[in-house]
Amino acid sequence: MKNLRRVWRVLRWFAGVAAILVAGVVCYACAAGRMVDREIANTPRDAKTGIVLGAEPIDIDPPSGDRPTTAVLMLHGFVGSRRDFADLGVRLAAQGYHVRLARLPGHGTTPRDFAEQTPESMLAGARAELASLRKQYKAVYVMGFSMGGAIGSILASEGDVDRLVLISPYYGVTYRWFYILPAETWNGMLGWAIPYVVKTPMFVQVNRVEAKKEIYSYHAVPTRGAATLMTLGRKARTPETLAAIKCPVLMVASEGDMASSPRWCHKAFARIGATNKHEVWFTTRSNHHLMWDYDREEAKRAIQEFVDRES
């Protein structure tokens, strides 16, 4: 009888803990849902297109007015925008390139739009951007930041890219000890119950605090969108995808990246099939948003030199 009472006490304790956890998940999901509504209502956007001001896709031509023969397609990161690249697009245009700062599907509008995207729709949007430039220019370089790096890797593996630049590319989430389980596991376990996760400035991974206000991203991140990101990263890091990349490649990344795993970046770079490939690594002084962080000038110079190389 004593043993039976002990078992019941343990079961009641577990039931109580489970009830508290369920209540916490429900409350968090409701609060995050309200944040999505506030974000949609309060974010300045173009009245006709619904695109957030400053997140629109733009084209930049050389100030000289000369017609370039090479275009650079720049693909931003997860829940981000063209602001991820800071002034890099302007610098490349000044070097004589046509620059296309794209807006990937579901980005620069609302978190709900992104929740409806799939890996296929994300890739279709990027392929359409590439195909459009292919019709107009002799050569097209692809430059991808974070998730844009994963997408750029896939595009390059398909053979339509003349040069590839990977900036803090996403092939997997950086593991941190307090996650206990990998972020991918948590998203798979809880994504069905928590449609959106709140992203505060604390989670904008740039070490220069003053740069945080310059970087645009959704404040509420759809977990379905996170699943799409993770699927793209897994596809981009497969040995088959990486081995198929034959164009010249530059990877610039930081060992202190708290978002895109440096470990996976090292592995991916080693598997890239191109014989003409280069990597530039920075110390832990900089974080994920490399174009805005302490090593930004060195990183931009490395990119500018790479795109101008003859081979």
C-alpha atoms as a PDB file:
ATOM      1  CA  MET A   1       0.000   0.000   0.000  1.00  0.00           C
ATOM      2  CA  LYS A   2       2.842   2.400   0.850  1.00  0.00           C
ATOM      3  CA  ASN A   3       4.447   1.732  -2.503  1.00  0.00           C
ATOM      4  CA  LEU A   4       1.157   2.408  -4.270  1.00  0.00           C
ATOM      5  CA  ARG A   5       0.761   5.761  -2.483  1.00  0.00           C
ATOM      6  CA  ARG A   6       4.352   6.660  -3.403  1.00  0.00           C
ATOM      7  CA  VAL A   7       3.665   5.878  -7.064  1.00  0.00           C
ATOM      8  CA  TRP A   8       0.535   8.041  -6.984  1.00  0.00           C
ATOM      9  CA  ARG A   9       2.470  10.955  -5.465  1.00  0.00           C
ATOM     10  CA  VAL A  10       5.079  10.709  -8.198  1.00  0.00           C
ATOM     11  CA  LEU A  11       2.404  10.529 -10.880  1.00  0.00           C
ATOM     12  CA  ARG A  12       0.606  13.572  -9.434  1.00  0.00           C
ATOM     13  CA  TRP A  13       3.891  15.477  -9.371  1.00  0.00           C
ATOM     14  CA  PHE A  14       4.585  14.682 -13.025  1.00  0.00           C
ATOM     15  CA  ALA A  15       0.992  15.567 -13.928  1.00  0.00           C
ATOM     16  CA  GLY A  16       1.359  18.921 -12.146  1.00  0.00           C
ATOM     17  CA  VAL A  17       4.625  19.715 -13.913  1.00  0.00           C
ATOM     18  CA  ALA A  18       3.116  18.713 -17.261  1.00  0.00           C
ATOM     19  CA  ALA A  19       0.096  20.948 -16.647  1.00  0.00           C
ATOM     20  CA  ILE A  20       2.362  23.903 -15.828  1.00  0.00           C
ATOM     21  CA  LEU A  21       4.430  23.306 -18.972  1.00  0.00           C
ATOM     22  CA  VAL A  22       1.342  23.037 -21.186  1.00  0.00           C
ATOM     23  CA  ALA A  23      -0.076  26.228 -19.669  1.00  0.00           C
ATOM     24  CA  GLY A  24       3.255  27.977 -20.256  1.00  0.00           C
ATOM     25  CA  VAL A  25       3.372  26.876 -23.900  1.00  0.00           C
ATOM     26  CA  VAL A  26      -0.213  28.038 -24.482  1.00  0.00           C
ATOM     27  CA  CYS A  27       0.433  31.421 -22.853  1.00  0.00           C
ATOM     28  CA  TYR A  28       3.639  31.913 -24.831  1.00  0.00           C
ATOM     29  CA  ALA A  29       1.934  30.982 -28.109  1.00  0.00           C
ATOM     30  CA  CYS A  30      -0.884  33.453 -27.422  1.00  0.00           C
ATOM     31  CA  ALA A  31       1.549  36.247 -26.526  1.00  0.00           C
ATOM     32  CA  ALA A  32       3.621  35.600 -29.650  1.00  0.00           C
ATOM     33  CA  GLY A  33       0.480  35.621 -31.795  1.00  0.00           C
ATOM     34  CA  ARG A  34      -0.473  39.030 -30.406  1.00  0.00           C
ATOM     35  CA  MET A  35       3.036  40.273 -31.173  1.00  0.00           C
ATOM     36  CA  VAL A  36       2.576  39.213 -34.824  1.00  0.00           C
ATOM     37  CA  ASP A  37      -0.592  41.325 -34.999  1.00  0.00           C
ATOM     38  CA  ARG A  38       1.181  44.324 -33.469  1.00  0.00           C
ATOM     39  CA  GLU A  39       4.169  43.947 -35.777  1.00  0.00           C
ATOM     40  CA  ILE A  40       1.953  43.849 -38.868  1.00  0.00           C
ATOM     41  CA  ALA A  41      -0.031  46.884 -37.708  1.00  0.00           C
ATOM     42  CA  ASN A  42       2.913  49.032 -36.593  1.00  0.00           C
ATOM     43  CA  THR A  43       5.592  48.381 -39.232  1.00  0.00           C
ATOM     44  CA  PRO A  44       5.830  51.140 -41.889  1.00  0.00           C
ATOM     45  CA  ARG A  45       5.279  49.666 -45.333  1.00  0.00           C
ATOM     46  CA  ASP A  46       4.466  50.623 -48.904  1.00  0.00           C
ATOM     47  CA  ALA A  47       0.708  51.091 -49.212  1.00  0.00           C
ATOM     48  CA  LYS A  48       0.549  49.449 -52.652  1.00  0.00           C
ATOM     49  CA  THR A  49       2.920  46.495 -52.306  1.00  0.00           C
ATOM     50  CA  GLY A  50       2.735  45.860 -48.566  1.00  0.00           C
ATOM     51  CA  ILE A  51       6.540  45.594 -48.488  1.00  0.00           C
ATOM     52  CA  VAL A  52       8.273  46.976 -45.402  1.00  0.00           C
ATOM     53  CA  LEU A  53      10.047  50.251 -46.126  1.00  0.00           C
ATOM     54  CA  GLY A  54      13.757  49.546 -46.569  1.00  0.00           C
ATOM     55  CA  ALA A  55      13.209  45.863 -47.369  1.00  0.00           C
ATOM     56  CA  GLU A  56      12.260  46.375 -51.022  1.00  0.00           C
ATOM     57  CA  PRO A  57      14.387  44.674 -53.674  1.00  0.00           C
ATOM     58  CA  ILE A  58      16.601  47.202 -55.451  1.00  0.00           C
ATOM     59  CA  ASP A  59      18.971  47.373 -58.412  1.00  0.00           C
ATOM     60  CA  ILE A  60      22.163  49.434 -58.314  1.00  0.00           C
ATOM     61  CA  ASP A  61      24.189  50.282 -61.403  1.00  0.00           C
ATOM     62  CA  PRO A  62      27.686  51.760 -61.594  1.00  0.00           C
ATOM     63  CA  PRO A  63      27.716  55.532 -60.996  1.00  0.00           C
ATOM     64  CA  SER A  64      29.659  55.937 -64.232  1.00  0.00           C
ATOM     65  CA  GLY A  65      26.573  54.993 -66.235  1.00  0.00           C
ATOM     66  CA  ASP A  66      28.489  52.306 -68.147  1.00  0.00           C
ATOM     67  CA  ARG A  67      26.592  49.138 -69.017  1.00  0.00           C
ATOM     68  CA  PRO A  68      28.066  46.285 -66.929  1.00  0.00           C
ATOM     69  CA  THR A  69      28.569  42.806 -68.358  1.00  0.00           C
ATOM     70  CA  THR A  70      28.449  41.126 -64.943  1.00  0.00           C
ATOM     71  CA  ALA A  71      25.681  41.171 -62.342  1.00  0.00           C
ATOM     72  CA  VAL A  72      25.844  40.327 -58.652  1.00  0.00           C
ATOM     73  CA  LEU A  73      22.758  38.716 -57.111  1.00  0.00           C
ATOM     74  CA  MET A  74      22.676  39.283 -53.345  1.00  0.00           C
ATOM     75  CA  LEU A  75      20.488  36.957 -51.250  1.00  0.00           C
ATOM     76  CA  HIS A  76      19.753  38.055 -47.695  1.00  0.00           C
ATOM     77  CA  GLY A  77      19.366  35.964 -44.570  1.00  0.00           C
ATOM     78  CA  PHE A  78      16.576  34.311 -42.567  1.00  0.00           C
ATOM     79  CA  VAL A  79      13.752  36.766 -41.649  1.00  0.00           C
ATOM     80  CA  GLY A  80      16.093  39.516 -42.864  1.00  0.00           C
ATOM     81  CA  SER A  81      16.391  41.906 -45.772  1.00  0.00           C
ATOM     82  CA  ARG A  82      18.886  43.585 -48.077  1.00  0.00           C
ATOM     83  CA  ARG A  83      20.096  45.526 -45.026  1.00  0.00           C
ATOM     84  CA  ASP A  84      22.013  42.380 -44.040  1.00  0.00           C
ATOM     85  CA  PHE A  85      24.696  43.493 -46.531  1.00  0.00           C
ATOM     86  CA  ALA A  86      25.106  47.044 -45.171  1.00  0.00           C
ATOM     87  CA  ASP A  87      26.810  49.128 -47.913  1.00  0.00           C
ATOM     88  CA  LEU A  88      28.405  46.210 -49.765  1.00  0.00           C
ATOM     89  CA  GLY A  89      26.018  46.500 -52.710  1.00  0.00           C
ATOM     90  CA  VAL A  90      26.930  50.147 -53.272  1.00  0.00           C
ATOM     91  CA  ARG A  91      30.624  49.277 -53.117  1.00  0.00           C
ATOM     92  CA  LEU A  92      30.268  46.522 -55.698  1.00  0.00           C
ATOM     93  CA  ALA A  93      28.320  48.809 -58.036  1.00  0.00           C
ATOM     94  CA  ALA A  94      31.139  51.343 -57.749  1.00  0.00           C
ATOM     95  CA  GLN A  95      33.495  48.595 -58.976  1.00  0.00           C
ATOM     96  CA  GLY A  96      31.484  48.323 -62.182  1.00  0.00           C
ATOM     97  CA  TYR A  97      28.913  45.618 -61.455  1.00  0.00           C
ATOM     98  CA  HIS A  98      25.161  45.634 -61.724  1.00  0.00           C
ATOM     99  CA  VAL A  99      23.912  44.711 -58.248  1.00  0.00           C
ATOM    100  CA  ARG A 100      20.551  43.120 -57.529  1.00  0.00           C
ATOM    101  CA  LEU A 101      19.603  43.111 -53.843  1.00  0.00           C
ATOM    102  CA  ALA A 102      16.744  40.629 -53.895  1.00  0.00           C
ATOM    103  CA  ARG A 103      13.797  40.082 -51.572  1.00  0.00           C
ATOM    104  CA  LEU A 104      13.224  36.395 -50.950  1.00  0.00           C
ATOM    105  CA  PRO A 105       9.635  35.032 -50.753  1.00  0.00           C
ATOM    106  CA  GLY A 106       7.856  35.697 -47.465  1.00  0.00           C
ATOM    107  CA  HIS A 107      10.387  38.318 -46.403  1.00  0.00           C
ATOM    108  CA  GLY A 108       9.948  42.043 -45.934  1.00  0.00           C
ATOM    109  CA  THR A 109       6.171  41.679 -45.652  1.00  0.00           C
ATOM    110  CA  THR A 110       4.764  39.833 -42.617  1.00  0.00           C
ATOM    111  CA  PRO A 111       5.760  36.819 -40.532  1.00  0.00           C
ATOM    112  CA  ARG A 112       2.511  35.175 -41.652  1.00  0.00           C
ATOM    113  CA  ASP A 113       3.661  35.399 -45.268  1.00  0.00           C
ATOM    114  CA  PHE A 114       6.876  33.624 -44.385  1.00  0.00           C
ATOM    115  CA  ALA A 115       5.008  30.918 -42.465  1.00  0.00           C
ATOM    116  CA  GLU A 116       3.346  29.953 -45.756  1.00  0.00           C
ATOM    117  CA  GLN A 117       6.632  29.464 -47.620  1.00  0.00           C
ATOM    118  CA  THR A 118       8.309  26.133 -48.314  1.00  0.00           C
ATOM    119  CA  PRO A 119      11.883  25.245 -49.263  1.00  0.00           C
ATOM    120  CA  GLU A 120      10.643  24.832 -52.829  1.00  0.00           C
ATOM    121  CA  SER A 121       9.043  28.283 -52.964  1.00  0.00           C
ATOM    122  CA  MET A 122      12.172  29.887 -51.490  1.00  0.00           C
ATOM    123  CA  LEU A 123      14.361  28.226 -54.102  1.00  0.00           C
ATOM    124  CA  ALA A 124      11.895  29.091 -56.867  1.00  0.00           C
ATOM    125  CA  GLY A 125      12.089  32.766 -55.910  1.00  0.00           C
ATOM    126  CA  ALA A 126      15.891  32.744 -55.954  1.00  0.00           C
ATOM    127  CA  ARG A 127      16.017  30.826 -59.249  1.00  0.00           C
ATOM    128  CA  ALA A 128      13.685  33.369 -60.828  1.00  0.00           C
ATOM    129  CA  GLU A 129      15.988  36.191 -59.742  1.00  0.00           C
ATOM    130  CA  LEU A 130      18.989  34.361 -61.181  1.00  0.00           C
ATOM    131  CA  ALA A 131      17.219  33.545 -64.458  1.00  0.00           C
ATOM    132  CA  SER A 132      16.233  37.186 -64.936  1.00  0.00           C
ATOM    133  CA  LEU A 133      19.840  38.344 -64.565  1.00  0.00           C
ATOM    134  CA  ARG A 134      21.072  35.513 -66.799  1.00  0.00           C
ATOM    135  CA  LYS A 135      19.009  36.926 -69.664  1.00  0.00           C
ATOM    136  CA  GLN A 136      20.632  40.347 -69.333  1.00  0.00           C
ATOM    137  CA  TYR A 137      24.286  39.767 -68.376  1.00  0.00           C
ATOM    138  CA  LYS A 138      27.162  37.630 -69.604  1.00  0.00           C
ATOM    139  CA  ALA A 139      28.070  36.528 -66.090  1.00  0.00           C
ATOM    140  CA  VAL A 140      26.197  36.390 -62.792  1.00  0.00           C
ATOM    141  CA  TYR A 141      27.830  36.144 -59.377  1.00  0.00           C
ATOM    142  CA  VAL A 142      25.747  35.040 -56.398  1.00  0.00           C
ATOM    143  CA  MET A 143      26.408  36.395 -52.943  1.00  0.00           C
ATOM    144  CA  GLY A 144      24.479  34.845 -50.055  1.00  0.00           C
ATOM    145  CA  PHE A 145      24.343  35.787 -46.394  1.00  0.00           C
ATOM    146  CA  SER A 146      23.247  33.161 -43.841  1.00  0.00           C
ATOM    147  CA  MET A 147      20.161  31.439 -45.312  1.00  0.00           C
ATOM    148  CA  GLY A 148      21.031  33.200 -48.567  1.00  0.00           C
ATOM    149  CA  GLY A 149      24.330  31.311 -48.437  1.00  0.00           C
ATOM    150  CA  ALA A 150      22.503  27.985 -48.247  1.00  0.00           C
ATOM    151  CA  ILE A 151      20.308  28.984 -51.183  1.00  0.00           C
ATOM    152  CA  GLY A 152      23.344  30.275 -53.082  1.00  0.00           C
ATOM    153  CA  SER A 153      25.113  26.960 -52.535  1.00  0.00           C
ATOM    154  CA  ILE A 154      22.160  25.097 -54.045  1.00  0.00           C
ATOM    155  CA  LEU A 155      21.983  27.474 -57.018  1.00  0.00           C
ATOM    156  CA  ALA A 156      25.719  27.119 -57.643  1.00  0.00           C
ATOM    157  CA  SER A 157      25.433  23.328 -57.512  1.00  0.00           C
ATOM    158  CA  GLU A 158      22.954  23.582 -60.393  1.00  0.00           C
ATOM    159  CA  GLY A 159      25.618  25.174 -62.576  1.00  0.00           C
ATOM    160  CA  ASP A 160      24.194  28.616 -63.430  1.00  0.00           C
ATOM    161  CA  VAL A 161      26.511  30.646 -61.180  1.00  0.00           C
ATOM    162  CA  ASP A 162      29.832  32.092 -62.353  1.00  0.00           C
ATOM    163  CA  ARG A 163      31.172  32.982 -58.918  1.00  0.00           C
ATOM    164  CA  LEU A 164      29.873  32.324 -55.397  1.00  0.00           C
ATOM    165  CA  VAL A 165      30.426  34.351 -52.224  1.00  0.00           C
ATOM    166  CA  LEU A 166      29.255  32.853 -48.933  1.00  0.00           C
ATOM    167  CA  ILE A 167      28.929  35.255 -45.999  1.00  0.00           C
ATOM    168  CA  SER A 168      28.309  33.532 -42.661  1.00  0.00           C
ATOM    169  CA  PRO A 169      26.479  30.822 -44.621  1.00  0.00           C
ATOM    170  CA  TYR A 170      23.863  28.714 -42.874  1.00  0.00           C
ATOM    171  CA  TYR A 171      24.399  24.960 -42.955  1.00  0.00           C
ATOM    172  CA  GLY A 172      23.248  24.336 -39.381  1.00  0.00           C
ATOM    173  CA  VAL A 173      22.517  26.146 -36.101  1.00  0.00           C
ATOM    174  CA  THR A 174      25.392  26.862 -33.721  1.00  0.00           C
ATOM    175  CA  TYR A 175      24.920  24.614 -30.701  1.00  0.00           C
ATOM    176  CA  ARG A 176      25.082  26.281 -27.272  1.00  0.00           C
ATOM    177  CA  TRP A 177      25.256  24.328 -24.038  1.00  0.00           C
ATOM    178  CA  PHE A 178      22.066  25.795 -22.566  1.00  0.00           C
ATOM    179  CA  TYR A 179      20.020  24.552 -25.536  1.00  0.00           C
ATOM    180  CA  ILE A 180      20.429  21.047 -24.026  1.00  0.00           C
ATOM    181  CA  LEU A 181      18.974  19.637 -27.247  1.00  0.00           C
ATOM    182  CA  PRO A 182      19.891  20.974 -30.719  1.00  0.00           C
ATOM    183  CA  ALA A 183      17.749  23.899 -31.908  1.00  0.00           C
ATOM    184  CA  GLU A 184      16.526  21.770 -34.806  1.00  0.00           C
ATOM    185  CA  THR A 185      15.167  19.208 -32.337  1.00  0.00           C
ATOM    186  CA  TRP A 186      13.339  21.814 -30.268  1.00  0.00           C
ATOM    187  CA  ASN A 187      11.750  23.301 -33.373  1.00  0.00           C
ATOM    188  CA  GLY A 188      10.542  19.878 -34.466  1.00  0.00           C
ATOM    189  CA  MET A 189       9.180  19.038 -31.012  1.00  0.00           C
ATOM    190  CA  LEU A 190       7.434  22.308 -30.188  1.00  0.00           C
ATOM    191  CA  GLY A 191       6.792  23.958 -33.546  1.00  0.00           C
ATOM    192  CA  TRP A 192       3.305  22.438 -33.810  1.00  0.00           C
ATOM    193  CA  ALA A 193       2.321  24.057 -30.495  1.00  0.00           C
ATOM    194  CA  ILE A 194       4.197  27.369 -30.830  1.00  0.00           C
ATOM    195  CA  PRO A 195       3.565  28.897 -34.275  1.00  0.00           C
ATOM    196  CA  TYR A 196       5.738  31.949 -33.598  1.00  0.00           C
ATOM    197  CA  VAL A 197       8.800  32.679 -31.480  1.00  0.00           C
ATOM    198  CA  VAL A 198       9.542  36.198 -30.260  1.00  0.00           C
ATOM    199  CA  LYS A 199      12.869  37.578 -31.487  1.00  0.00           C
ATOM    200  CA  THR A 200      14.111  40.397 -29.271  1.00  0.00           C
ATOM    201  CA  PRO A 201      17.200  42.568 -30.036  1.00  0.00           C
ATOM    202  CA  MET A 202      19.155  40.213 -27.758  1.00  0.00           C
ATOM    203  CA  PHE A 203      18.854  37.555 -30.473  1.00  0.00           C
ATOM    204  CA  VAL A 204      20.226  39.779 -33.253  1.00  0.00           C
ATOM    205  CA  GLN A 205      23.672  38.237 -33.469  1.00  0.00           C
ATOM    206  CA  VAL A 206      26.024  41.183 -33.905  1.00  0.00           C
ATOM    207  CA  ASN A 207      28.564  42.153 -31.259  1.00  0.00           C
ATOM    208  CA  ARG A 208      28.580  45.863 -32.118  1.00  0.00           C
ATOM    209  CA  VAL A 209      25.578  46.917 -30.059  1.00  0.00           C
ATOM    210  CA  GLU A 210      25.132  50.135 -32.022  1.00  0.00           C
ATOM    211  CA  ALA A 211      24.644  48.102 -35.213  1.00  0.00           C
ATOM    212  CA  LYS A 212      21.555  46.267 -33.934  1.00  0.00           C
ATOM    213  CA  LYS A 213      19.255  49.154 -34.874  1.00  0.00           C
ATOM    214  CA  GLU A 214      20.543  49.044 -38.470  1.00  0.00           C
ATOM    215  CA  ILE A 215      19.550  45.409 -39.066  1.00  0.00           C
ATOM    216  CA  TYR A 216      15.972  44.626 -40.022  1.00  0.00           C
ATOM    217  CA  SER A 217      14.274  41.339 -39.219  1.00  0.00           C
ATOM    218  CA  TYR A 218      10.872  40.116 -38.142  1.00  0.00           C
ATOM    219  CA  HIS A 219      10.257  40.384 -34.401  1.00  0.00           C
ATOM    220  CA  ALA A 220       8.079  37.278 -34.496  1.00  0.00           C
ATOM    221  CA  VAL A 221       9.642  34.280 -36.226  1.00  0.00           C
ATOM    222  CA  PRO A 222       7.338  31.553 -37.577  1.00  0.00           C
ATOM    223  CA  THR A 223       8.486  28.105 -36.506  1.00  0.00           C
ATOM    224  CA  ARG A 224       7.339  26.795 -39.892  1.00  0.00           C
ATOM    225  CA  GLY A 225       9.743  29.281 -41.424  1.00  0.00           C
ATOM    226  CA  ALA A 226      12.485  27.965 -39.166  1.00  0.00           C
ATOM    227  CA  ALA A 227      11.714  24.457 -40.410  1.00  0.00           C
ATOM    228  CA  THR A 228      12.065  25.733 -43.989  1.00  0.00           C
ATOM    229  CA  LEU A 229      15.447  27.249 -43.114  1.00  0.00           C
ATOM    230  CA  MET A 230      16.639  23.993 -41.587  1.00  0.00           C
ATOM    231  CA  THR A 231      15.547  21.996 -44.617  1.00  0.00           C
ATOM    232  CA  LEU A 232      17.441  24.369 -46.920  1.00  0.00           C
ATOM    233  CA  GLY A 233      20.536  24.079 -44.726  1.00  0.00           C
ATOM    234  CA  ARG A 234      20.417  20.282 -44.788  1.00  0.00           C
ATOM    235  CA  LYS A 235      20.055  20.265 -48.575  1.00  0.00           C
ATOM    236  CA  ALA A 236      22.879  22.769 -49.020  1.00  0.00           C
ATOM    237  CA  ARG A 237      25.329  20.798 -46.861  1.00  0.00           C
ATOM    238  CA  THR A 238      24.854  17.402 -48.482  1.00  0.00           C
ATOM    239  CA  PRO A 239      28.061  16.050 -50.014  1.00  0.00           C
ATOM    240  CA  GLU A 240      26.308  15.810 -53.385  1.00  0.00           C
ATOM    241  CA  THR A 241      25.291  19.490 -53.404  1.00  0.00           C
ATOM    242  CA  LEU A 242      28.681  20.753 -52.266  1.00  0.00           C
ATOM    243  CA  ALA A 243      30.683  18.527 -54.603  1.00  0.00           C
ATOM    244  CA  ALA A 244      28.657  19.852 -57.550  1.00  0.00           C
ATOM    245  CA  ILE A 245      29.807  23.447 -56.936  1.00  0.00           C
ATOM    246  CA  LYS A 246      32.535  24.055 -59.519  1.00  0.00           C
ATOM    247  CA  CYS A 247      32.640  27.855 -59.859  1.00  0.00           C
ATOM    248  CA  PRO A 248      35.164  29.958 -57.874  1.00  0.00           C
ATOM    249  CA  VAL A 249      34.053  30.288 -54.248  1.00  0.00           C
ATOM    250  CA  LEU A 250      34.861  32.628 -51.365  1.00  0.00           C
ATOM    251  CA  MET A 251      33.618  31.968 -47.836  1.00  0.00           C
ATOM    252  CA  VAL A 252      33.923  34.692 -45.193  1.00  0.00           C
ATOM    253  CA  ALA A 253      32.818  33.772 -41.686  1.00  0.00           C
ATOM    254  CA  SER A 254      33.520  34.250 -37.988  1.00  0.00           C
ATOM    255  CA  GLU A 255      34.536  31.664 -35.433  1.00  0.00           C
ATOM    256  CA  GLY A 256      32.312  33.602 -33.034  1.00  0.00           C
ATOM    257  CA  ASP A 257      29.121  33.098 -35.068  1.00  0.00           C
ATOM    258  CA  MET A 258      26.330  32.296 -32.618  1.00  0.00           C
ATOM    259  CA  ALA A 259      23.731  31.635 -35.343  1.00  0.00           C
ATOM    260  CA  SER A 260      25.268  29.759 -38.287  1.00  0.00           C
ATOM    261  CA  SER A 261      27.476  26.953 -37.046  1.00  0.00           C
ATOM    262  CA  PRO A 262      31.206  27.543 -37.757  1.00  0.00           C
ATOM    263  CA  ARG A 263      31.706  23.786 -37.416  1.00  0.00           C
ATOM    264  CA  TRP A 264      29.285  23.115 -40.257  1.00  0.00           C
ATOM    265  CA  CYS A 265      30.833  25.915 -42.339  1.00  0.00           C
ATOM    266  CA  HIS A 266      34.280  24.310 -42.049  1.00  0.00           C
ATOM    267  CA  LYS A 267      32.853  20.932 -43.040  1.00  0.00           C
ATOM    268  CA  ALA A 268      30.931  22.391 -45.959  1.00  0.00           C
ATOM    269  CA  PHE A 269      33.892  24.327 -47.308  1.00  0.00           C
ATOM    270  CA  ALA A 270      36.050  21.206 -47.293  1.00  0.00           C
ATOM    271  CA  ARG A 271      33.407  19.388 -49.386  1.00  0.00           C
ATOM    272  CA  ILE A 272      32.954  22.111 -52.021  1.00  0.00           C
ATOM    273  CA  GLY A 273      34.038  20.665 -55.355  1.00  0.00           C
ATOM    274  CA  ALA A 274      35.603  23.831 -56.785  1.00  0.00           C
ATOM    275  CA  THR A 275      39.370  23.818 -57.154  1.00  0.00           C
ATOM    276  CA  ASN A 276      39.389  27.623 -56.994  1.00  0.00           C
ATOM    277  CA  LYS A 277      38.031  28.222 -53.502  1.00  0.00           C
ATOM    278  CA  HIS A 278      39.124  30.523 -50.698  1.00  0.00           C
ATOM    279  CA  GLU A 279      38.094  31.048 -47.098  1.00  0.00           C
ATOM    280  CA  VAL A 280      38.630  34.002 -44.775  1.00  0.00           C
ATOM    281  CA  TRP A 281      37.921  33.407 -41.105  1.00  0.00           C
ATOM    282  CA  PHE A 282      37.671  36.047 -38.419  1.00  0.00           C
ATOM    283  CA  THR A 283      38.053  35.586 -34.673  1.00  0.00           C
ATOM    284  CA  THR A 284      35.312  35.627 -32.053  1.00  0.00           C
ATOM    285  CA  ARG A 285      35.438  39.441 -32.069  1.00  0.00           C
ATOM    286  CA  SER A 286      32.658  39.371 -34.678  1.00  0.00           C
ATOM    287  CA  ASN A 287      29.377  37.467 -34.679  1.00  0.00           C
ATOM    288  CA  HIS A 288      26.877  36.389 -37.354  1.00  0.00           C
ATOM    289  CA  HIS A 289      26.094  39.741 -38.996  1.00  0.00           C
ATOM    290  CA  LEU A 290      29.618  40.071 -40.317  1.00  0.00           C
ATOM    291  CA  MET A 291      28.862  43.023 -42.626  1.00  0.00           C
ATOM    292  CA  TRP A 292      27.918  45.093 -39.569  1.00  0.00           C
ATOM    293  CA  ASP A 293      30.377  43.793 -36.989  1.00  0.00           C
ATOM    294  CA  TYR A 294      33.912  44.653 -35.877  1.00  0.00           C
ATOM    295  CA  ASP A 295      35.598  42.887 -38.811  1.00  0.00           C
ATOM    296  CA  ARG A 296      33.226  44.358 -41.402  1.00  0.00           C
ATOM    297  CA  GLU A 297      35.811  46.380 -43.330  1.00  0.00           C
ATOM    298  CA  GLU A 298      38.234  43.470 -43.661  1.00  0.00           C
ATOM    299  CA  ALA A 299      35.397  41.165 -44.727  1.00  0.00           C
ATOM    300  CA  LYS A 300      34.116  43.609 -47.342  1.00  0.00           C
ATOM    301  CA  ARG A 301      37.625  44.145 -48.739  1.00  0.00           C
ATOM    302  CA  ALA A 302      38.113  40.400 -49.088  1.00  0.00           C
ATOM    303  CA  ILE A 303      34.835  40.153 -51.026  1.00  0.00           C
ATOM    304  CA  GLN A 304      35.609  43.135 -53.244  1.00  0.00           C
ATOM    305  CA  GLU A 305      39.029  41.709 -54.116  1.00  0.00           C
ATOM    306  CA  PHE A 306      37.576  38.276 -54.845  1.00  0.00           C
ATOM    307  CA  VAL A 307      34.943  39.487 -57.315  1.00  0.00           C
ATOM    308  CA  ASP A 308      37.611  41.408 -59.250  1.00  0.00           C
ATOM    309  CA  ARG A 309      40.048  38.501 -59.547  1.00  0.00           C
ATOM    310  CA  GLU A 310      40.679  37.308 -63.069  1.00  0.00           C
ATOM    311  CA  SER A 311      40.603  33.661 -62.007  1.00  0.00           C
END
